C-alpha atoms as a PDB file:
ATOM      1  CA  MET A   1      28.065   3.666 -56.869  1.00  0.00           C
ATOM      2  CA  ALA A   2      27.755   2.436 -60.323  1.00  0.00           C
ATOM      3  CA  HIS A   3      23.906   2.179 -60.994  1.00  0.00           C
ATOM      4  CA  SER A   4      21.623  -0.207 -62.518  1.00  0.00           C
ATOM      5  CA  ASN A   5      20.594   0.309 -66.308  1.00  0.00           C
ATOM      6  CA  PRO A   6      18.659  -2.176 -67.878  1.00  0.00           C
ATOM      7  CA  SER A   7      18.659  -0.796 -71.091  1.00  0.00           C
ATOM      8  CA  ALA A   8      21.672   0.482 -71.145  1.00  0.00           C
ATOM      9  CA  SER A   9      23.048  -2.867 -71.903  1.00  0.00           C
ATOM     10  CA  SER A  10      20.348  -4.936 -73.257  1.00  0.00           C
ATOM     11  CA  ALA A  11      21.769  -4.972 -76.374  1.00  0.00           C
ATOM     12  CA  GLU A  12      25.053  -6.632 -75.093  1.00  0.00           C
ATOM     13  CA  ASP A  13      22.848  -9.188 -72.863  1.00  0.00           C
ATOM     14  CA  ARG A  14      20.823  -9.629 -75.550  1.00  0.00           C
ATOM     15  CA  GLY A  15      23.240 -10.782 -78.081  1.00  0.00           C
ATOM     16  CA  LEU A  16      24.720 -13.237 -75.847  1.00  0.00           C
ATOM     17  CA  SER A  17      21.662 -14.968 -75.283  1.00  0.00           C
ATOM     18  CA  GLU A  18      20.586 -15.525 -78.877  1.00  0.00           C
ATOM     19  CA  GLU A  19      24.403 -16.135 -80.534  1.00  0.00           C
ATOM     20  CA  PHE A  20      25.972 -18.081 -77.283  1.00  0.00           C
ATOM     21  CA  ALA A  21      24.361 -20.925 -76.908  1.00  0.00           C
ATOM     22  CA  VAL A  22      24.377 -21.982 -72.899  1.00  0.00           C
ATOM     23  CA  PRO A  23      25.806 -23.772 -71.344  1.00  0.00           C
ATOM     24  CA  SER A  24      23.321 -26.964 -69.588  1.00  0.00           C
ATOM     25  CA  HIS A  25      25.695 -26.651 -66.177  1.00  0.00           C
ATOM     26  CA  VAL A  26      25.444 -22.809 -65.487  1.00  0.00           C
ATOM     27  CA  GLU A  27      22.867 -22.873 -63.168  1.00  0.00           C
ATOM     28  CA  GLU A  28      24.463 -25.429 -61.333  1.00  0.00           C
ATOM     29  CA  VAL A  29      27.984 -23.721 -60.967  1.00  0.00           C
ATOM     30  CA  LYS A  30      26.188 -20.274 -60.446  1.00  0.00           C
ATOM     31  CA  LYS A  31      24.145 -22.097 -57.718  1.00  0.00           C
ATOM     32  CA  LEU A  32      28.047 -23.396 -56.285  1.00  0.00           C
ATOM     33  CA  MET A  33      29.750 -19.529 -56.840  1.00  0.00           C
ATOM     34  CA  ALA A  34      26.964 -17.979 -54.712  1.00  0.00           C
ATOM     35  CA  ASP A  35      27.399 -19.788 -51.843  1.00  0.00           C
ATOM     36  CA  PHE A  36      30.580 -19.847 -51.896  1.00  0.00           C
ATOM     37  CA  ALA A  37      30.840 -15.924 -52.488  1.00  0.00           C
ATOM     38  CA  GLU A  38      27.694 -16.052 -49.636  1.00  0.00           C
ATOM     39  CA  HIS A  39      30.136 -18.431 -46.922  1.00  0.00           C
ATOM     40  CA  HIS A  40      33.368 -16.198 -47.011  1.00  0.00           C
ATOM     41  CA  GLY A  41      31.386 -12.637 -47.524  1.00  0.00           C
ATOM     42  CA  SER A  42      29.598 -13.147 -44.612  1.00  0.00           C
ATOM     43  CA  ALA A  43      32.554 -13.952 -42.959  1.00  0.00           C
ATOM     44  CA  GLY A  44      34.170 -10.617 -43.762  1.00  0.00           C
ATOM     45  CA  ARG A  45      36.962 -11.883 -46.398  1.00  0.00           C
ATOM     46  CA  ARG A  46      36.244 -10.080 -49.695  1.00  0.00           C
ATOM     47  CA  VAL A  47      36.164 -12.398 -52.678  1.00  0.00           C
ATOM     48  CA  VAL A  48      38.090 -11.814 -56.675  1.00  0.00           C
ATOM     49  CA  LEU A  49      36.585 -13.000 -59.636  1.00  0.00           C
ATOM     50  CA  ILE A  50      39.585 -14.277 -61.630  1.00  0.00           C
ATOM     51  CA  THR A  51      39.530 -14.900 -65.301  1.00  0.00           C
ATOM     52  CA  SER A  52      42.337 -16.968 -66.551  1.00  0.00           C
ATOM     53  CA  GLY A  53      43.857 -17.631 -69.465  1.00  0.00           C
ATOM     54  CA  GLY A  54      42.486 -17.618 -73.908  1.00  0.00           C
ATOM     55  CA  THR A  55      39.628 -18.424 -75.571  1.00  0.00           C
ATOM     56  CA  LYS A  56      39.864 -20.333 -79.017  1.00  0.00           C
ATOM     57  CA  VAL A  57      36.883 -19.968 -82.213  1.00  0.00           C
ATOM     58  CA  PRO A  58      36.225 -22.899 -83.443  1.00  0.00           C
ATOM     59  CA  LEU A  59      36.459 -22.205 -87.900  1.00  0.00           C
ATOM     60  CA  GLU A  60      33.784 -25.307 -88.473  1.00  0.00           C
ATOM     61  CA  SER A  61      31.084 -26.763 -85.972  1.00  0.00           C
ATOM     62  CA  ARG A  62      32.748 -29.392 -86.203  1.00  0.00           C
ATOM     63  CA  THR A  63      36.301 -28.415 -85.085  1.00  0.00           C
ATOM     64  CA  VAL A  64      39.375 -29.078 -86.703  1.00  0.00           C
ATOM     65  CA  ARG A  65      41.082 -25.340 -86.955  1.00  0.00           C
ATOM     66  CA  PHE A  66      40.352 -23.001 -84.443  1.00  0.00           C
ATOM     67  CA  LEU A  67      41.605 -19.292 -84.192  1.00  0.00           C
ATOM     68  CA  ASP A  68      43.787 -19.640 -80.278  1.00  0.00           C
ATOM     69  CA  ASN A  69      45.953 -16.796 -79.092  1.00  0.00           C
ATOM     70  CA  PHE A  70      49.308 -16.932 -77.233  1.00  0.00           C
ATOM     71  CA  SER A  71      47.730 -16.808 -73.285  1.00  0.00           C
ATOM     72  CA  SER A  72      48.723 -19.236 -71.201  1.00  0.00           C
ATOM     73  CA  GLY A  73      47.184 -18.450 -67.837  1.00  0.00           C
ATOM     74  CA  ARG A  74      50.304 -16.830 -66.023  1.00  0.00           C
ATOM     75  CA  ARG A  75      49.319 -14.254 -65.187  1.00  0.00           C
ATOM     76  CA  GLY A  76      45.695 -15.063 -63.851  1.00  0.00           C
ATOM     77  CA  SER A  77      47.363 -18.315 -62.461  1.00  0.00           C
ATOM     78  CA  SER A  78      49.981 -16.655 -60.855  1.00  0.00           C
ATOM     79  CA  SER A  79      47.524 -13.480 -59.039  1.00  0.00           C
ATOM     80  CA  ALA A  80      45.416 -16.413 -57.263  1.00  0.00           C
ATOM     81  CA  GLU A  81      48.227 -17.263 -55.555  1.00  0.00           C
ATOM     82  CA  TYR A  82      48.718 -13.843 -54.029  1.00  0.00           C
ATOM     83  CA  PHE A  83      45.598 -12.973 -53.484  1.00  0.00           C
ATOM     84  CA  LEU A  84      45.219 -16.079 -51.752  1.00  0.00           C
ATOM     85  CA  ASP A  85      48.330 -14.719 -49.313  1.00  0.00           C
ATOM     86  CA  SER A  86      46.440 -11.263 -49.253  1.00  0.00           C
ATOM     87  CA  GLY A  87      43.598 -13.062 -47.109  1.00  0.00           C
ATOM     88  CA  TYR A  88      40.485 -13.043 -50.525  1.00  0.00           C
ATOM     89  CA  ALA A  89      38.565 -15.887 -51.340  1.00  0.00           C
ATOM     90  CA  VAL A  90      38.426 -16.370 -55.228  1.00  0.00           C
ATOM     91  CA  ILE A  91      36.843 -17.956 -57.600  1.00  0.00           C
ATOM     92  CA  PHE A  92      39.215 -19.011 -60.770  1.00  0.00           C
ATOM     93  CA  LEU A  93      37.524 -19.113 -63.879  1.00  0.00           C
ATOM     94  CA  HIS A  94      40.023 -21.010 -66.586  1.00  0.00           C
ATOM     95  CA  ARG A  95      40.408 -22.376 -69.744  1.00  0.00           C
ATOM     96  CA  HIS A  96      40.895 -26.454 -70.016  1.00  0.00           C
ATOM     97  CA  ARG A  97      44.555 -27.219 -69.307  1.00  0.00           C
ATOM     98  CA  SER A  98      46.177 -23.327 -68.897  1.00  0.00           C
ATOM     99  CA  LEU A  99      48.007 -22.942 -65.954  1.00  0.00           C
ATOM    100  CA  TYR A 100      46.410 -23.603 -62.669  1.00  0.00           C
ATOM    101  CA  PRO A 101      47.864 -21.772 -58.925  1.00  0.00           C
ATOM    102  CA  TYR A 102      50.682 -23.678 -57.381  1.00  0.00           C
ATOM    103  CA  THR A 103      50.797 -26.773 -60.063  1.00  0.00           C
ATOM    104  CA  ARG A 104      51.913 -24.088 -62.724  1.00  0.00           C
ATOM    105  CA  LEU A 105      55.246 -23.427 -61.186  1.00  0.00           C
ATOM    106  CA  TYR A 106      56.344 -26.840 -62.771  1.00  0.00           C
ATOM    107  CA  THR A 107      55.025 -26.349 -65.971  1.00  0.00           C
ATOM    108  CA  GLY A 108      57.277 -28.013 -68.154  1.00  0.00           C
ATOM    109  CA  VAL A 109      58.332 -31.188 -65.541  1.00  0.00           C
ATOM    110  CA  ASN A 110      57.473 -34.566 -66.963  1.00  0.00           C
ATOM    111  CA  ILE A 111      55.775 -35.644 -63.299  1.00  0.00           C
ATOM    112  CA  LEU A 112      57.260 -39.593 -63.922  1.00  0.00           C
ATOM    113  CA  ASP A 113      60.889 -38.428 -63.914  1.00  0.00           C
ATOM    114  CA  SER A 114      60.817 -36.440 -60.780  1.00  0.00           C
ATOM    115  CA  LEU A 115      59.390 -39.253 -58.918  1.00  0.00           C
ATOM    116  CA  GLN A 116      60.629 -42.803 -57.453  1.00  0.00           C
ATOM    117  CA  LEU A 117      59.208 -45.667 -56.248  1.00  0.00           C
ATOM    118  CA  GLU A 118      60.503 -47.932 -53.300  1.00  0.00           C
ATOM    119  CA  THR A 119      59.227 -51.517 -53.277  1.00  0.00           C
ATOM    120  CA  ASP A 120      59.859 -53.755 -50.547  1.00  0.00           C
ATOM    121  CA  LYS A 121      59.063 -57.543 -50.555  1.00  0.00           C
ATOM    122  CA  GLY A 122      55.692 -57.691 -50.579  1.00  0.00           C
ATOM    123  CA  ASP A 123      55.073 -55.760 -53.178  1.00  0.00           C
ATOM    124  CA  THR A 124      53.894 -52.749 -51.405  1.00  0.00           C
ATOM    125  CA  GLY A 125      56.287 -49.436 -52.297  1.00  0.00           C
ATOM    126  CA  HIS A 126      56.692 -45.844 -51.658  1.00  0.00           C
ATOM    127  CA  VAL A 127      57.153 -43.016 -53.682  1.00  0.00           C
ATOM    128  CA  LEU A 128      59.703 -40.236 -53.264  1.00  0.00           C
ATOM    129  CA  VAL A 129      59.520 -37.121 -54.499  1.00  0.00           C
ATOM    130  CA  ASN A 130      63.016 -35.763 -56.177  1.00  0.00           C
ATOM    131  CA  LYS A 131      62.909 -32.016 -54.202  1.00  0.00           C
ATOM    132  CA  GLU A 132      65.388 -30.583 -57.355  1.00  0.00           C
ATOM    133  CA  ALA A 133      62.910 -31.988 -60.277  1.00  0.00           C
ATOM    134  CA  LEU A 134      60.512 -30.381 -58.281  1.00  0.00           C
ATOM    135  CA  PRO A 135      61.677 -26.952 -55.860  1.00  0.00           C
ATOM    136  CA  ASN A 136      60.197 -25.874 -52.858  1.00  0.00           C
ATOM    137  CA  ILE A 137      58.028 -28.535 -53.364  1.00  0.00           C
ATOM    138  CA  ALA A 138      57.003 -28.799 -49.582  1.00  0.00           C
ATOM    139  CA  LYS A 139      56.495 -25.444 -49.422  1.00  0.00           C
ATOM    140  CA  VAL A 140      54.056 -25.197 -52.135  1.00  0.00           C
ATOM    141  CA  LEU A 141      52.570 -28.071 -51.139  1.00  0.00           C
ATOM    142  CA  LYS A 142      52.172 -26.910 -47.458  1.00  0.00           C
ATOM    143  CA  ARG A 143      50.182 -23.716 -49.440  1.00  0.00           C
ATOM    144  CA  TYR A 144      47.855 -25.284 -51.387  1.00  0.00           C
ATOM    145  CA  GLN A 145      46.107 -27.503 -48.936  1.00  0.00           C
ATOM    146  CA  ALA A 146      46.231 -24.629 -46.731  1.00  0.00           C
ATOM    147  CA  VAL A 147      44.259 -23.417 -48.682  1.00  0.00           C
ATOM    148  CA  LYS A 148      42.019 -26.059 -50.216  1.00  0.00           C
ATOM    149  CA  VAL A 149      41.382 -27.283 -46.096  1.00  0.00           C
ATOM    150  CA  SER A 150      40.424 -23.534 -46.085  1.00  0.00           C
ATOM    151  CA  GLY A 151      38.425 -23.835 -48.662  1.00  0.00           C
ATOM    152  CA  LEU A 152      39.501 -20.686 -50.774  1.00  0.00           C
ATOM    153  CA  LEU A 153      39.552 -21.663 -53.931  1.00  0.00           C
ATOM    154  CA  LEU A 154      36.646 -22.546 -55.999  1.00  0.00           C
ATOM    155  CA  PRO A 155      38.078 -23.489 -59.485  1.00  0.00           C
ATOM    156  CA  VAL A 156      35.705 -22.705 -62.488  1.00  0.00           C
ATOM    157  CA  GLU A 157      36.421 -24.280 -65.909  1.00  0.00           C
ATOM    158  CA  PHE A 158      35.608 -22.921 -69.404  1.00  0.00           C
ATOM    159  CA  ASN A 159      36.353 -25.085 -72.691  1.00  0.00           C
ATOM    160  CA  THR A 160      35.271 -22.491 -75.194  1.00  0.00           C
ATOM    161  CA  LEU A 161      34.464 -18.966 -76.051  1.00  0.00           C
ATOM    162  CA  SER A 162      30.175 -19.707 -75.099  1.00  0.00           C
ATOM    163  CA  GLU A 163      30.818 -21.300 -71.663  1.00  0.00           C
ATOM    164  CA  TYR A 164      33.923 -18.253 -70.837  1.00  0.00           C
ATOM    165  CA  LEU A 165      30.638 -15.954 -71.592  1.00  0.00           C
ATOM    166  CA  HIS A 166      28.180 -17.786 -69.933  1.00  0.00           C
ATOM    167  CA  LEU A 167      30.089 -18.475 -67.283  1.00  0.00           C
ATOM    168  CA  LEU A 168      31.200 -14.676 -66.140  1.00  0.00           C
ATOM    169  CA  LYS A 169      27.429 -13.409 -66.332  1.00  0.00           C
ATOM    170  CA  ALA A 170      26.609 -16.088 -63.578  1.00  0.00           C
ATOM    171  CA  ALA A 171      30.215 -15.032 -61.678  1.00  0.00           C
ATOM    172  CA  ALA A 172      28.631 -11.331 -62.132  1.00  0.00           C
ATOM    173  CA  GLN A 173      25.376 -11.576 -60.505  1.00  0.00           C
ATOM    174  CA  ALA A 174      26.295 -14.930 -58.157  1.00  0.00           C
ATOM    175  CA  LEU A 175      29.045 -12.084 -56.475  1.00  0.00           C
ATOM    176  CA  SER A 176      26.368  -9.323 -56.501  1.00  0.00           C
ATOM    177  CA  SER A 177      24.894 -10.190 -52.886  1.00  0.00           C
ATOM    178  CA  ILE A 178      28.554  -9.303 -51.179  1.00  0.00           C
ATOM    179  CA  GLY A 179      28.424  -6.143 -53.213  1.00  0.00           C
ATOM    180  CA  SER A 180      31.864  -3.757 -52.814  1.00  0.00           C
ATOM    181  CA  LYS A 181      33.806  -6.891 -50.992  1.00  0.00           C
ATOM    182  CA  ALA A 182      33.717  -8.530 -54.984  1.00  0.00           C
ATOM    183  CA  MET A 183      36.497  -7.726 -57.521  1.00  0.00           C
ATOM    184  CA  PHE A 184      36.497  -8.914 -60.398  1.00  0.00           C
ATOM    185  CA  TYR A 185      40.188  -9.450 -61.908  1.00  0.00           C
ATOM    186  CA  LEU A 186      39.904  -9.917 -65.527  1.00  0.00           C
ATOM    187  CA  ALA A 187      42.775 -11.449 -66.508  1.00  0.00           C
ATOM    188  CA  ALA A 188      41.368 -14.303 -69.622  1.00  0.00           C
ATOM    189  CA  ALA A 189      42.576 -13.000 -73.226  1.00  0.00           C
ATOM    190  CA  VAL A 190      39.420 -12.881 -74.497  1.00  0.00           C
ATOM    191  CA  SER A 191      39.313 -13.591 -78.356  1.00  0.00           C
ATOM    192  CA  ASP A 192      37.241  -9.992 -79.994  1.00  0.00           C
ATOM    193  CA  PHE A 193      36.235 -11.917 -82.704  1.00  0.00           C
ATOM    194  CA  TYR A 194      34.182 -15.039 -83.824  1.00  0.00           C
ATOM    195  CA  ILE A 195      31.432 -17.394 -85.992  1.00  0.00           C
ATOM    196  CA  PRO A 196      27.947 -17.526 -85.418  1.00  0.00           C
ATOM    197  CA  ALA A 197      26.738 -21.203 -85.496  1.00  0.00           C
ATOM    198  CA  SER A 198      24.630 -20.150 -88.262  1.00  0.00           C
ATOM    199  CA  GLU A 199      27.514 -19.257 -91.131  1.00  0.00           C
ATOM    200  CA  MET A 200      29.985 -21.836 -89.124  1.00  0.00           C
ATOM    201  CA  PRO A 201      30.333 -24.796 -91.762  1.00  0.00           C
ATOM    202  CA  GLU A 202      30.056 -28.072 -90.117  1.00  0.00           C
ATOM    203  CA  HIS A 203      32.880 -29.955 -92.173  1.00  0.00           C
ATOM    204  CA  LYS A 204      36.741 -29.458 -91.964  1.00  0.00           C
ATOM    205  CA  ILE A 205      36.802 -26.639 -94.492  1.00  0.00           C
ATOM    206  CA  GLN A 206      39.229 -28.485 -97.620  1.00  0.00           C
ATOM    207  CA  SER A 207      42.054 -26.632 -98.447  1.00  0.00           C
ATOM    208  CA  SER A 208      41.570 -27.770-102.290  1.00  0.00           C
ATOM    209  CA  ASN A 209      38.364 -25.015-102.424  1.00  0.00           C
ATOM    210  CA  GLY A 210      41.431 -22.825-102.471  1.00  0.00           C
ATOM    211  CA  PRO A 211      42.238 -19.495 -99.885  1.00  0.00           C
ATOM    212  CA  LEU A 212      40.444 -19.069 -97.072  1.00  0.00           C
ATOM    213  CA  GLN A 213      37.916 -15.942 -96.763  1.00  0.00           C
ATOM    214  CA  ILE A 214      36.394 -15.701 -93.126  1.00  0.00           C
ATOM    215  CA  SER A 215      34.139 -13.045 -91.907  1.00  0.00           C
ATOM    216  CA  MET A 216      33.891 -12.598 -87.674  1.00  0.00           C
ATOM    217  CA  LYS A 217      31.254 -10.915 -85.798  1.00  0.00           C
ATOM    218  CA  MET A 218      32.439  -8.768 -83.170  1.00  0.00           C
ATOM    219  CA  VAL A 219      32.318 -11.022 -79.171  1.00  0.00           C
ATOM    220  CA  PRO A 220      29.572  -8.728 -77.068  1.00  0.00           C
ATOM    221  CA  LYS A 221      30.799  -7.010 -74.364  1.00  0.00           C
ATOM    222  CA  MET A 222      30.811  -7.958 -70.873  1.00  0.00           C
ATOM    223  CA  LEU A 223      32.240  -5.140 -69.187  1.00  0.00           C
ATOM    224  CA  SER A 224      29.278  -3.054 -70.001  1.00  0.00           C
ATOM    225  CA  PRO A 225      26.806  -5.096 -68.523  1.00  0.00           C
ATOM    226  CA  LEU A 226      28.679  -6.324 -65.375  1.00  0.00           C
ATOM    227  CA  VAL A 227      29.136  -2.744 -64.121  1.00  0.00           C
ATOM    228  CA  LYS A 228      25.962  -1.692 -64.690  1.00  0.00           C
ATOM    229  CA  ASP A 229      23.670  -4.544 -64.554  1.00  0.00           C
ATOM    230  CA  TRP A 230      24.879  -7.435 -63.297  1.00  0.00           C
ATOM    231  CA  ALA A 231      27.123  -6.434 -60.271  1.00  0.00           C
ATOM    232  CA  PRO A 232      27.638  -2.486 -60.119  1.00  0.00           C
ATOM    233  CA  GLN A 233      28.517  -2.290 -56.348  1.00  0.00           C
ATOM    234  CA  ALA A 234      31.222  -4.403 -57.303  1.00  0.00           C
ATOM    235  CA  PHE A 235      35.319  -3.462 -58.015  1.00  0.00           C
ATOM    236  CA  VAL A 236      36.273  -4.365 -61.432  1.00  0.00           C
ATOM    237  CA  ILE A 237      39.578  -4.260 -63.232  1.00  0.00           C
ATOM    238  CA  SER A 238      40.504  -4.904 -66.648  1.00  0.00           C
ATOM    239  CA  PHE A 239      43.692  -5.760 -68.596  1.00  0.00           C
ATOM    240  CA  LYS A 240      44.923  -4.111 -71.990  1.00  0.00           C
ATOM    241  CA  LEU A 241      47.885  -4.969 -73.597  1.00  0.00           C
ATOM    242  CA  GLU A 242      49.012  -4.083 -76.954  1.00  0.00           C
ATOM    243  CA  THR A 243      51.769  -4.338 -79.138  1.00  0.00           C
ATOM    244  CA  ASN A 244      52.228   0.079 -79.574  1.00  0.00           C
ATOM    245  CA  PRO A 245      53.398   1.707 -76.686  1.00  0.00           C
ATOM    246  CA  SER A 246      52.509   4.796 -77.707  1.00  0.00           C
ATOM    247  CA  ILE A 247      48.844   3.685 -78.072  1.00  0.00           C
ATOM    248  CA  LEU A 248      48.627   2.100 -74.540  1.00  0.00           C
ATOM    249  CA  LEU A 249      48.118   4.630 -72.070  1.00  0.00           C
ATOM    250  CA  GLU A 250      45.327   6.138 -74.221  1.00  0.00           C
ATOM    251  CA  LYS A 251      43.431   3.341 -74.678  1.00  0.00           C
ATOM    252  CA  ALA A 252      43.450   2.254 -70.870  1.00  0.00           C
ATOM    253  CA  ARG A 253      42.119   6.206 -69.933  1.00  0.00           C
ATOM    254  CA  ARG A 254      39.005   5.141 -73.314  1.00  0.00           C
ATOM    255  CA  ALA A 255      38.272   2.058 -71.270  1.00  0.00           C
ATOM    256  CA  LEU A 256      37.779   2.787 -68.249  1.00  0.00           C
ATOM    257  CA  GLU A 257      35.222   6.139 -69.773  1.00  0.00           C
ATOM    258  CA  THR A 258      33.269   3.967 -71.846  1.00  0.00           C
ATOM    259  CA  TYR A 259      32.503   1.138 -68.952  1.00  0.00           C
ATOM    260  CA  ASN A 260      32.980   3.487 -65.798  1.00  0.00           C
ATOM    261  CA  HIS A 261      35.167   0.278 -63.767  1.00  0.00           C
ATOM    262  CA  GLN A 262      37.755   1.032 -61.643  1.00  0.00           C
ATOM    263  CA  ALA A 263      41.242  -0.102 -62.630  1.00  0.00           C
ATOM    264  CA  VAL A 264      43.126  -0.901 -66.350  1.00  0.00           C
ATOM    265  CA  VAL A 265      45.796  -3.080 -65.944  1.00  0.00           C
ATOM    266  CA  ALA A 266      47.948  -2.008 -69.126  1.00  0.00           C
ATOM    267  CA  ASN A 267      50.988  -3.448 -70.220  1.00  0.00           C
ATOM    268  CA  VAL A 268      52.799  -4.063 -73.658  1.00  0.00           C
ATOM    269  CA  LEU A 269      53.456  -7.612 -74.925  1.00  0.00           C
ATOM    270  CA  ASP A 270      57.252  -7.502 -74.830  1.00  0.00           C
ATOM    271  CA  THR A 271      57.801  -5.848 -71.533  1.00  0.00           C
ATOM    272  CA  ARG A 272      54.749  -7.669 -69.663  1.00  0.00           C
ATOM    273  CA  ARG A 273      56.166  -9.786 -67.063  1.00  0.00           C
ATOM    274  CA  GLY A 274      58.468  -7.057 -65.563  1.00  0.00           C
ATOM    275  CA  TYR A 275      56.178  -3.715 -65.980  1.00  0.00           C
ATOM    276  CA  VAL A 276      52.833  -2.188 -65.785  1.00  0.00           C
ATOM    277  CA  VAL A 277      51.005   0.600 -65.904  1.00  0.00           C
ATOM    278  CA  VAL A 278      47.831   0.453 -63.104  1.00  0.00           C
ATOM    279  CA  VAL A 279      46.049   3.312 -64.878  1.00  0.00           C
ATOM    280  CA  THR A 280      42.371   4.668 -62.639  1.00  0.00           C
ATOM    281  CA  LYS A 281      40.526   7.218 -63.454  1.00  0.00           C
ATOM    282  CA  ASP A 282      42.270   9.543 -61.232  1.00  0.00           C
ATOM    283  CA  THR A 283      46.105   7.948 -61.001  1.00  0.00           C
ATOM    284  CA  GLN A 284      48.440   5.434 -63.239  1.00  0.00           C
ATOM    285  CA  TYR A 285      50.859   3.861 -60.983  1.00  0.00           C
ATOM    286  CA  GLU A 286      53.995   1.988 -62.709  1.00  0.00           C
ATOM    287  CA  LEU A 287      54.801  -1.233 -61.604  1.00  0.00           C
ATOM    288  CA  LEU A 288      58.677  -2.383 -62.354  1.00  0.00           C
ATOM    289  CA  LEU A 289      61.065  -5.193 -61.549  1.00  0.00           C
ATOM    290  CA  THR A 290      64.380  -4.125 -60.646  1.00  0.00           C
ATOM    291  CA  ASP A 291      66.931  -6.483 -61.784  1.00  0.00           C
ATOM    292  CA  GLU A 292      67.512  -7.433 -58.055  1.00  0.00           C
ATOM    293  CA  GLU A 293      64.196  -9.033 -57.952  1.00  0.00           C
ATOM    294  CA  VAL A 294      64.323 -10.512 -61.557  1.00  0.00           C
ATOM    295  CA  GLN A 295      67.325 -12.310 -60.123  1.00  0.00           C
ATOM    296  CA  LYS A 296      65.308 -13.537 -57.143  1.00  0.00           C
ATOM    297  CA  GLU A 297      62.575 -14.862 -59.608  1.00  0.00           C
ATOM    298  CA  ALA A 298      60.246 -12.502 -58.036  1.00  0.00           C
ATOM    299  CA  GLU A 299      57.329 -11.486 -60.286  1.00  0.00           C
ATOM    300  CA  ILE A 300      54.835  -8.720 -61.076  1.00  0.00           C
ATOM    301  CA  GLU A 301      51.647 -10.122 -60.439  1.00  0.00           C
ATOM    302  CA  ASP A 302      52.966  -9.570 -56.791  1.00  0.00           C
ATOM    303  CA  LYS A 303      52.754  -5.712 -57.283  1.00  0.00           C
ATOM    304  CA  ILE A 304      49.500  -5.024 -59.186  1.00  0.00           C
ATOM    305  CA  VAL A 305      47.724  -7.438 -56.505  1.00  0.00           C
ATOM    306  CA  THR A 306      49.372  -5.205 -53.800  1.00  0.00           C
ATOM    307  CA  ASN A 307      47.935  -2.193 -55.541  1.00  0.00           C
ATOM    308  CA  LEU A 308      45.257  -3.446 -56.463  1.00  0.00           C
ATOM    309  CA  THR A 309      44.041  -4.480 -52.543  1.00  0.00           C
ATOM    310  CA  ALA A 310      44.870  -1.659 -51.177  1.00  0.00           C
ATOM    311  CA  ALA A 311      43.187   0.423 -53.944  1.00  0.00           C
ATOM    312  CA  HIS A 312      39.661  -2.298 -53.652  1.00  0.00           C
ATOM    313  CA  SER A 313      40.331  -0.996 -49.445  1.00  0.00           C
ATOM    314  CA  GLN A 314      40.007   2.003 -50.503  1.00  0.00           C
ATOM    315  CA  PHE A 315      36.905   1.519 -52.486  1.00  0.00           C
ATOM    316  CA  ILE A 316      35.148  -0.328 -49.728  1.00  0.00           C
ATOM    317  CA  SER A 317      35.948   2.865 -47.476  1.00  0.00           C
ATOM    318  CA  GLN A 318      34.306   5.138 -49.840  1.00  0.00           C
ATOM    319  CA  GLN A 319      31.061   2.798 -49.852  1.00  0.00           C
ATOM    320  CA  ILE A 320      30.677   2.769 -46.707  1.00  0.00           C
END
């Protein structure tokens, strides 16, 4: 069990408060998350906080340009479905307009081309669904409605890096009440760098000024205070993405040593959809989609969630 050590992570916590504006709705959302966790925790259900999507970093106060990354939220949104299938309640902390559980399956589909309106003489009508344009829609809709009726999915949206950081802290504090039943699945691709508001130009940067030189600060590492202070009994998983496979496992193990959390899902950019390594302090598990599984449209997230739910069960048993 991790123990709280306020002085060890006070720098990160202080940096968050000083450098990033607190969203006006953070306390309201924190209460919603705390009530959600308490409700499901008291029912004996585990709760996972999934972060999903990327973060954009503005270059101007009145933002025209920003730095972004490739993350669409695919891993987070698909993993949410598999956690729900495994009996977890899910808090889905996702970027605005990133992929969402269940609807992600129809990304790129023009919804109006998938519907047909049949009208009658009374100028009323019925909307028919083209099931070829929306394959398996009845099955997917049934799953989604069951989750919604059961209150198992709490979506929380962020737009800015500041919102993400403060909402993650609020979520960690909200879930701390359920101890080891809480899991943090930190799949969002969070920027490592940002420009402080005090150093950011107010207006659009003019190209006529010539080549642009940018100096950026490091974003505070939220993993340290999350593990040590905010939710010290929780089961915490971070993600490590690299383009160079030769340094991947070393970086994953270094993260475990630095932050003292439970697991790192390590993956290489080019093969991330079919191969990952789940690294813990004592083990490493290679998870791979076979050619047959790829043909059947299986997803690596199914295997990741299966592995981590088993590890979470073992973690909980060790806390008793």
